[in-house]
């Protein structure tokens, strides 16, 4: 993996900074997957379905995802 910098709104930045290591890793997995899909010019529906599959494979339950989104 490589590190890049992206601008996010202050609410997102604060949530990320407050998150523990495991939560940060989960957010990174989700964001990495989303960016890959965007680069492949896939539809939003396709992206969401694939990310849901990846999330389940990585042990991210809907409850955990909802918590991250909060």
C-alpha atoms as a PDB file:
ATOM      1  CA  UNK A   1       0.000   0.000   0.000  1.00  0.00           C
ATOM      2  CA  UNK A   2       0.990   3.605  -0.504  1.00  0.00           C
ATOM      3  CA  UNK A   3      -0.077   6.744   1.308  1.00  0.00           C
ATOM      4  CA  UNK A   4      -1.821   9.660  -0.417  1.00  0.00           C
ATOM      5  CA  UNK A   5      -3.448  12.811   0.918  1.00  0.00           C
ATOM      6  CA  UNK A   6      -7.007  13.786   0.069  1.00  0.00           C
ATOM      7  CA  UNK A   7      -9.141  16.642   1.305  1.00  0.00           C
ATOM      8  CA  UNK A   8     -12.243  15.788   3.312  1.00  0.00           C
ATOM      9  CA  UNK A   9     -14.660  17.915   5.260  1.00  0.00           C
ATOM     10  CA  UNK A  10     -13.868  18.622   8.909  1.00  0.00           C
ATOM     11  CA  UNK A  11     -16.495  16.215  10.224  1.00  0.00           C
ATOM     12  CA  UNK A  12     -14.928  13.304   8.345  1.00  0.00           C
ATOM     13  CA  UNK A  13     -11.443  14.308   9.472  1.00  0.00           C
ATOM     14  CA  UNK A  14     -12.509  14.461  13.127  1.00  0.00           C
ATOM     15  CA  UNK A  15     -14.249  11.087  12.951  1.00  0.00           C
ATOM     16  CA  UNK A  16     -11.174   9.493  11.394  1.00  0.00           C
ATOM     17  CA  UNK A  17      -8.833  11.052  13.946  1.00  0.00           C
ATOM     18  CA  UNK A  18     -11.010   9.853  16.838  1.00  0.00           C
ATOM     19  CA  UNK A  19     -11.291   6.299  15.467  1.00  0.00           C
ATOM     20  CA  UNK A  20      -9.188   3.517  16.896  1.00  0.00           C
ATOM     21  CA  UNK A  21      -6.733   1.572  14.729  1.00  0.00           C
ATOM     22  CA  UNK A  22      -9.215  -1.148  13.736  1.00  0.00           C
ATOM     23  CA  UNK A  23     -11.888   1.383  12.752  1.00  0.00           C
ATOM     24  CA  UNK A  24      -9.331   3.335  10.710  1.00  0.00           C
ATOM     25  CA  UNK A  25      -8.291   0.172   8.892  1.00  0.00           C
ATOM     26  CA  UNK A  26     -11.916  -0.595   8.080  1.00  0.00           C
ATOM     27  CA  UNK A  27     -12.436   2.917   6.740  1.00  0.00           C
ATOM     28  CA  UNK A  28      -9.297   2.574   4.628  1.00  0.00           C
ATOM     29  CA  UNK A  29     -10.539  -0.717   3.162  1.00  0.00           C
ATOM     30  CA  UNK A  30     -13.891   0.847   2.263  1.00  0.00           C
ATOM     31  CA  UNK A  31     -12.343   3.970   0.756  1.00  0.00           C
ATOM     32  CA  UNK A  32      -9.723   1.996  -1.159  1.00  0.00           C
ATOM     33  CA  UNK A  33     -12.420  -0.216  -2.662  1.00  0.00           C
ATOM     34  CA  UNK A  34     -14.562   2.754  -3.617  1.00  0.00           C
ATOM     35  CA  UNK A  35     -11.685   4.570  -5.298  1.00  0.00           C
ATOM     36  CA  UNK A  36     -10.757   1.442  -7.270  1.00  0.00           C
ATOM     37  CA  UNK A  37     -14.311   1.111  -8.520  1.00  0.00           C
ATOM     38  CA  UNK A  38     -14.510   4.767  -9.515  1.00  0.00           C
ATOM     39  CA  UNK A  39     -11.301   4.379 -11.493  1.00  0.00           C
ATOM     40  CA  UNK A  40     -12.862   1.435 -13.344  1.00  0.00           C
ATOM     41  CA  UNK A  41     -15.893   3.563 -14.364  1.00  0.00           C
ATOM     42  CA  UNK A  42     -18.431   1.206 -12.824  1.00  0.00           C
ATOM     43  CA  UNK A  43     -21.976   2.137 -11.889  1.00  0.00           C
ATOM     44  CA  UNK A  44     -22.718   3.158  -8.321  1.00  0.00           C
ATOM     45  CA  UNK A  45     -24.971   0.111  -7.886  1.00  0.00           C
ATOM     46  CA  UNK A  46     -22.168  -2.227  -8.989  1.00  0.00           C
ATOM     47  CA  UNK A  47     -19.736  -0.478  -6.667  1.00  0.00           C
ATOM     48  CA  UNK A  48     -22.074  -0.768  -3.681  1.00  0.00           C
ATOM     49  CA  UNK A  49     -22.783  -4.474  -4.270  1.00  0.00           C
ATOM     50  CA  UNK A  50     -19.104  -5.310  -4.601  1.00  0.00           C
ATOM     51  CA  UNK A  51     -18.173  -3.272  -1.549  1.00  0.00           C
ATOM     52  CA  UNK A  52     -20.888  -5.021   0.473  1.00  0.00           C
ATOM     53  CA  UNK A  53     -19.420  -8.366  -0.548  1.00  0.00           C
ATOM     54  CA  UNK A  54     -15.915  -7.256   0.360  1.00  0.00           C
ATOM     55  CA  UNK A  55     -17.125  -5.859   3.669  1.00  0.00           C
ATOM     56  CA  UNK A  56     -18.781  -9.153   4.594  1.00  0.00           C
ATOM     57  CA  UNK A  57     -15.673 -11.078   3.561  1.00  0.00           C
ATOM     58  CA  UNK A  58     -13.588  -8.819   5.822  1.00  0.00           C
ATOM     59  CA  UNK A  59     -15.956  -9.252   8.769  1.00  0.00           C
ATOM     60  CA  UNK A  60     -17.652  -5.863   8.525  1.00  0.00           C
ATOM     61  CA  UNK A  61     -21.254  -6.270   9.587  1.00  0.00           C
ATOM     62  CA  UNK A  62     -24.011  -3.830   8.692  1.00  0.00           C
ATOM     63  CA  UNK A  63     -23.921  -2.654  12.305  1.00  0.00           C
ATOM     64  CA  UNK A  64     -20.214  -1.792  12.070  1.00  0.00           C
ATOM     65  CA  UNK A  65     -20.713  -0.041   8.730  1.00  0.00           C
ATOM     66  CA  UNK A  66     -23.589   2.009  10.137  1.00  0.00           C
ATOM     67  CA  UNK A  67     -21.392   3.010  13.063  1.00  0.00           C
ATOM     68  CA  UNK A  68     -18.617   4.109  10.702  1.00  0.00           C
ATOM     69  CA  UNK A  69     -21.053   6.157   8.633  1.00  0.00           C
ATOM     70  CA  UNK A  70     -22.316   7.954  11.760  1.00  0.00           C
END
